[in-house]
N, C-alpha and C. Protein backbone atom coordinates (compact mmCIF):
# COMPACT_ATOMS: atom_id res chain seq x y z
N MET A 1 0.94 -0.95 0.16
CA MET A 1 0.10 -0.11 -0.07
C MET A 1 1.06 0.69 0.08
N ALA A 2 0.46 1.78 -0.73
CA ALA A 2 1.41 3.40 -0.76
C ALA A 2 1.21 4.23 0.61
N TRP A 3 2.14 4.99 0.91
CA TRP A 3 1.60 5.67 2.36
C TRP A 3 1.21 7.14 1.93
N ILE A 4 1.04 7.47 0.36
CA ILE A 4 0.32 9.01 -0.04
C ILE A 4 -0.73 8.62 -0.10
N LYS A 5 -1.88 9.49 -0.24
CA LYS A 5 -2.39 9.58 -0.74
C LYS A 5 -2.98 9.32 -2.15
N THR A 6 -3.67 8.09 -2.51
CA THR A 6 -4.06 7.85 -4.08
C THR A 6 -5.31 7.90 -4.79
N VAL A 7 -5.29 7.82 -5.51
CA VAL A 7 -6.91 7.08 -6.27
C VAL A 7 -6.96 5.79 -6.10
N ASN A 8 -8.00 5.40 -5.76
CA ASN A 8 -8.72 3.41 -5.72
C ASN A 8 -8.97 3.31 -6.93
N GLU A 9 -8.48 2.08 -7.19
CA GLU A 9 -8.75 2.06 -8.77
C GLU A 9 -10.66 1.72 -8.89
N ASP A 10 -11.07 1.57 -7.82
CA ASP A 10 -12.67 1.86 -8.26
C ASP A 10 -13.15 3.10 -8.29
N GLU A 11 -11.86 4.62 -7.87
CA GLU A 11 -12.89 5.92 -7.66
C GLU A 11 -12.20 6.74 -8.92
N ALA A 12 -11.25 5.68 -10.10
CA ALA A 12 -10.69 6.36 -11.05
C ALA A 12 -11.80 6.37 -12.11
N GLU A 13 -11.43 7.88 -12.37
CA GLU A 13 -11.98 8.62 -13.58
C GLU A 13 -11.13 9.50 -14.66
N GLY A 14 -11.45 9.78 -15.82
CA GLY A 14 -11.00 10.12 -17.16
C GLY A 14 -9.65 9.51 -17.22
N TYR A 15 -8.87 10.19 -17.43
CA TYR A 15 -7.73 9.84 -17.78
C TYR A 15 -6.81 8.79 -16.73
N VAL A 16 -6.87 8.98 -15.64
CA VAL A 16 -6.65 8.04 -14.57
C VAL A 16 -7.41 6.68 -14.54
N GLU A 17 -8.29 6.70 -14.77
CA GLU A 17 -9.03 5.34 -15.37
C GLU A 17 -8.59 4.86 -16.37
N LYS A 18 -8.18 5.23 -17.94
CA LYS A 18 -7.38 4.77 -18.54
C LYS A 18 -6.24 4.22 -18.51
N ALA A 19 -5.56 5.29 -17.50
CA ALA A 19 -3.95 4.51 -17.23
C ALA A 19 -3.82 3.39 -16.50
N TYR A 20 -4.91 3.36 -15.23
CA TYR A 20 -5.00 2.60 -14.88
C TYR A 20 -5.81 0.54 -15.07
N LYS A 21 -6.21 1.01 -16.21
CA LYS A 21 -6.84 -0.29 -17.50
C LYS A 21 -5.74 -0.12 -17.90
N SER A 22 -4.78 0.64 -18.59
CA SER A 22 -3.86 0.04 -19.55
C SER A 22 -2.72 -0.52 -18.42
N THR A 23 -2.71 -0.29 -17.16
CA THR A 23 -1.55 -0.74 -16.21
C THR A 23 -1.83 -1.97 -15.53
N MET A 24 -3.19 -2.18 -15.46
CA MET A 24 -3.97 -3.29 -14.87
C MET A 24 -2.81 -4.54 -14.49
N ARG A 25 -2.78 -4.67 -13.13
CA ARG A 25 -2.18 -6.38 -13.09
C ARG A 25 -3.00 -7.51 -12.81
N SER A 26 -2.63 -8.75 -13.58
CA SER A 26 -3.17 -10.05 -13.47
C SER A 26 -3.57 -10.18 -11.71
N TRP A 27 -3.22 -9.86 -10.47
CA TRP A 27 -3.85 -9.78 -9.82
C TRP A 27 -4.93 -8.73 -9.20
N GLY A 28 -5.46 -8.18 -9.75
CA GLY A 28 -6.20 -7.22 -10.23
C GLY A 28 -6.25 -5.70 -9.79
N GLY A 29 -5.21 -5.59 -9.55
CA GLY A 29 -4.55 -4.20 -9.30
C GLY A 29 -3.69 -3.53 -10.23
N VAL A 30 -3.50 -2.15 -9.36
CA VAL A 30 -2.24 -1.23 -10.36
C VAL A 30 -0.87 -1.03 -9.21
N ASP A 31 -0.27 -0.91 -9.71
CA ASP A 31 1.27 -0.83 -9.23
C ASP A 31 1.28 0.64 -8.11
N ASN A 32 1.66 0.46 -6.86
CA ASN A 32 1.97 1.83 -6.47
C ASN A 32 2.25 3.17 -7.09
N ILE A 33 3.46 2.65 -7.63
CA ILE A 33 4.40 3.85 -8.57
C ILE A 33 3.18 4.35 -9.50
N VAL A 34 2.30 3.54 -10.54
CA VAL A 34 1.54 4.27 -11.35
C VAL A 34 0.75 4.98 -10.42
N LYS A 35 -0.02 4.43 -9.00
CA LYS A 35 -1.06 5.37 -8.34
C LYS A 35 -0.52 6.67 -7.64
N SER A 36 0.91 6.45 -7.61
CA SER A 36 1.41 7.76 -6.50
C SER A 36 1.41 8.88 -7.51
N ALA A 37 0.63 9.44 -8.46
CA ALA A 37 0.50 10.33 -9.75
C ALA A 37 -0.85 10.40 -9.38
N SER A 38 -1.29 9.47 -9.43
CA SER A 38 -2.73 9.82 -9.44
C SER A 38 -3.80 10.64 -9.13
N LEU A 39 -3.19 11.70 -8.35
CA LEU A 39 -3.89 13.07 -7.76
C LEU A 39 -3.89 14.23 -9.00
N SER A 40 -3.05 13.64 -9.89
CA SER A 40 -2.53 14.71 -10.52
C SER A 40 -2.82 14.10 -12.40
N PRO A 41 -3.59 13.80 -12.64
CA PRO A 41 -3.53 13.68 -14.33
C PRO A 41 -2.73 13.68 -15.05
N ALA A 42 -2.60 15.33 -15.05
CA ALA A 42 -1.21 16.01 -15.75
C ALA A 42 -0.04 14.89 -15.58
N GLY A 43 0.30 15.27 -14.23
CA GLY A 43 1.55 14.58 -14.19
C GLY A 43 1.36 12.86 -14.27
N LEU A 44 0.20 12.17 -14.21
CA LEU A 44 0.13 10.87 -14.10
C LEU A 44 0.56 10.69 -15.61
N ARG A 45 -0.19 11.45 -16.72
CA ARG A 45 0.15 11.13 -18.01
C ARG A 45 1.43 11.24 -18.81
N SER A 46 2.25 13.13 -17.64
CA SER A 46 3.48 13.01 -18.19
C SER A 46 4.71 11.94 -17.83
N MET A 47 4.15 10.75 -16.69
CA MET A 47 4.99 10.30 -16.13
C MET A 47 5.08 8.51 -17.33
N MET A 48 3.52 8.65 -17.64
CA MET A 48 3.28 7.22 -18.18
C MET A 48 4.16 7.57 -20.00
N THR A 49 3.94 8.66 -20.24
CA THR A 49 4.57 9.34 -21.88
C THR A 49 6.33 8.86 -21.57
N PHE A 50 6.56 9.05 -20.07
CA PHE A 50 8.21 9.10 -20.16
C PHE A 50 8.42 7.62 -20.13
N TYR A 51 7.51 6.39 -19.27
CA TYR A 51 7.40 5.51 -19.24
C TYR A 51 8.29 4.91 -20.25
N GLN A 52 6.54 4.85 -20.73
CA GLN A 52 6.53 4.61 -22.30
C GLN A 52 7.75 4.33 -23.39
N GLY A 53 8.45 5.88 -23.59
CA GLY A 53 9.73 6.25 -24.39
C GLY A 53 10.58 5.40 -23.69
N VAL A 54 10.97 5.53 -22.18
CA VAL A 54 12.37 4.22 -21.85
C VAL A 54 12.61 2.88 -21.89
N MET A 55 10.65 2.87 -21.74
CA MET A 55 10.83 1.31 -21.78
C MET A 55 10.37 0.09 -23.84
N HIS A 56 9.85 1.12 -24.08
CA HIS A 56 9.55 1.03 -25.60
C HIS A 56 9.97 1.88 -26.73
N GLY A 57 11.00 2.80 -26.20
CA GLY A 57 10.97 3.69 -27.01
C GLY A 57 11.95 3.23 -28.30
N ASP A 58 11.87 3.78 -29.45
CA ASP A 58 13.23 3.04 -30.16
C ASP A 58 14.61 3.31 -29.72
N CYS A 59 15.50 2.36 -29.81
CA CYS A 59 16.67 2.00 -28.72
C CYS A 59 17.23 0.14 -29.42
N ASP A 60 18.33 0.75 -28.72
CA ASP A 60 19.52 -0.76 -29.20
C ASP A 60 19.30 -1.82 -28.29
N ILE A 61 18.90 -1.12 -26.84
CA ILE A 61 18.82 -1.85 -25.80
C ILE A 61 17.23 -2.60 -25.34
N THR A 62 16.81 -4.25 -25.47
CA THR A 62 15.99 -4.93 -25.98
C THR A 62 15.40 -4.64 -24.00
N LEU A 63 14.10 -4.78 -24.78
CA LEU A 63 13.13 -4.96 -23.41
C LEU A 63 13.50 -5.20 -22.24
N ALA A 64 14.36 -6.26 -22.12
CA ALA A 64 14.51 -7.49 -21.48
C ALA A 64 15.89 -6.87 -20.70
N GLN A 65 16.49 -6.39 -21.47
CA GLN A 65 18.10 -5.52 -20.87
C GLN A 65 17.34 -4.11 -20.06
N ARG A 66 16.45 -3.81 -20.42
CA ARG A 66 15.71 -2.43 -19.69
C ARG A 66 15.28 -2.72 -18.67
N GLU A 67 14.73 -4.32 -18.38
CA GLU A 67 13.77 -4.08 -17.32
C GLU A 67 14.76 -4.57 -16.06
N MET A 68 15.86 -5.53 -16.73
CA MET A 68 17.27 -5.68 -16.35
C MET A 68 17.60 -4.62 -15.21
N ILE A 69 18.06 -3.54 -15.53
CA ILE A 69 18.60 -2.22 -15.53
C ILE A 69 17.63 -1.65 -14.42
N ALA A 70 16.33 -1.52 -14.55
CA ALA A 70 15.31 -1.23 -13.78
C ALA A 70 15.21 -1.81 -12.44
N VAL A 71 15.23 -2.93 -12.39
CA VAL A 71 16.02 -3.88 -11.11
C VAL A 71 16.92 -3.58 -10.60
N THR A 72 18.02 -3.22 -11.32
CA THR A 72 19.61 -2.90 -10.43
C THR A 72 19.14 -1.72 -10.14
N VAL A 73 18.96 -0.85 -10.49
CA VAL A 73 18.36 0.70 -9.67
C VAL A 73 17.71 0.34 -8.94
N SER A 74 16.67 -0.29 -8.83
CA SER A 74 15.23 -0.56 -7.64
C SER A 74 16.42 -1.09 -6.56
N VAL A 75 17.07 -2.08 -6.89
CA VAL A 75 17.94 -2.95 -5.48
C VAL A 75 18.85 -1.71 -5.09
N LEU A 76 19.53 -1.24 -5.81
CA LEU A 76 20.33 -0.31 -5.24
C LEU A 76 19.99 1.32 -4.36
N ASN A 77 18.71 1.19 -5.11
CA ASN A 77 17.42 2.37 -4.34
C ASN A 77 16.97 1.66 -3.33
N GLU A 78 17.41 0.59 -3.01
CA GLU A 78 16.45 -0.27 -1.84
C GLU A 78 14.91 -0.11 -1.91
N CYS A 79 14.57 -0.39 -3.15
CA CYS A 79 13.15 0.16 -3.49
C CYS A 79 12.86 -1.84 -3.30
N HIS A 80 11.45 -1.90 -2.75
CA HIS A 80 11.07 -2.93 -3.18
C HIS A 80 10.43 -3.32 -4.46
N TYR A 81 10.40 -2.28 -5.03
CA TYR A 81 9.25 -2.81 -7.02
C TYR A 81 10.23 -3.28 -7.39
């Protein structure tokens, strides 16, 4: 659970609802990193655009390599994601 106020999946509207639907996990929820920007739809849109560019943009690094970099950074930051 996030330690900041967020919009729950069942309360999401507009762009937040759209972003939640596109990032819904198999367990039926949305990752807290996405929820962390849910109070600012414009901020959430910017975060999602950035994520799409970094993880799926045109680059010589494969998606698997990008995921490995993300995991390494999370470990170094002592982040449980």
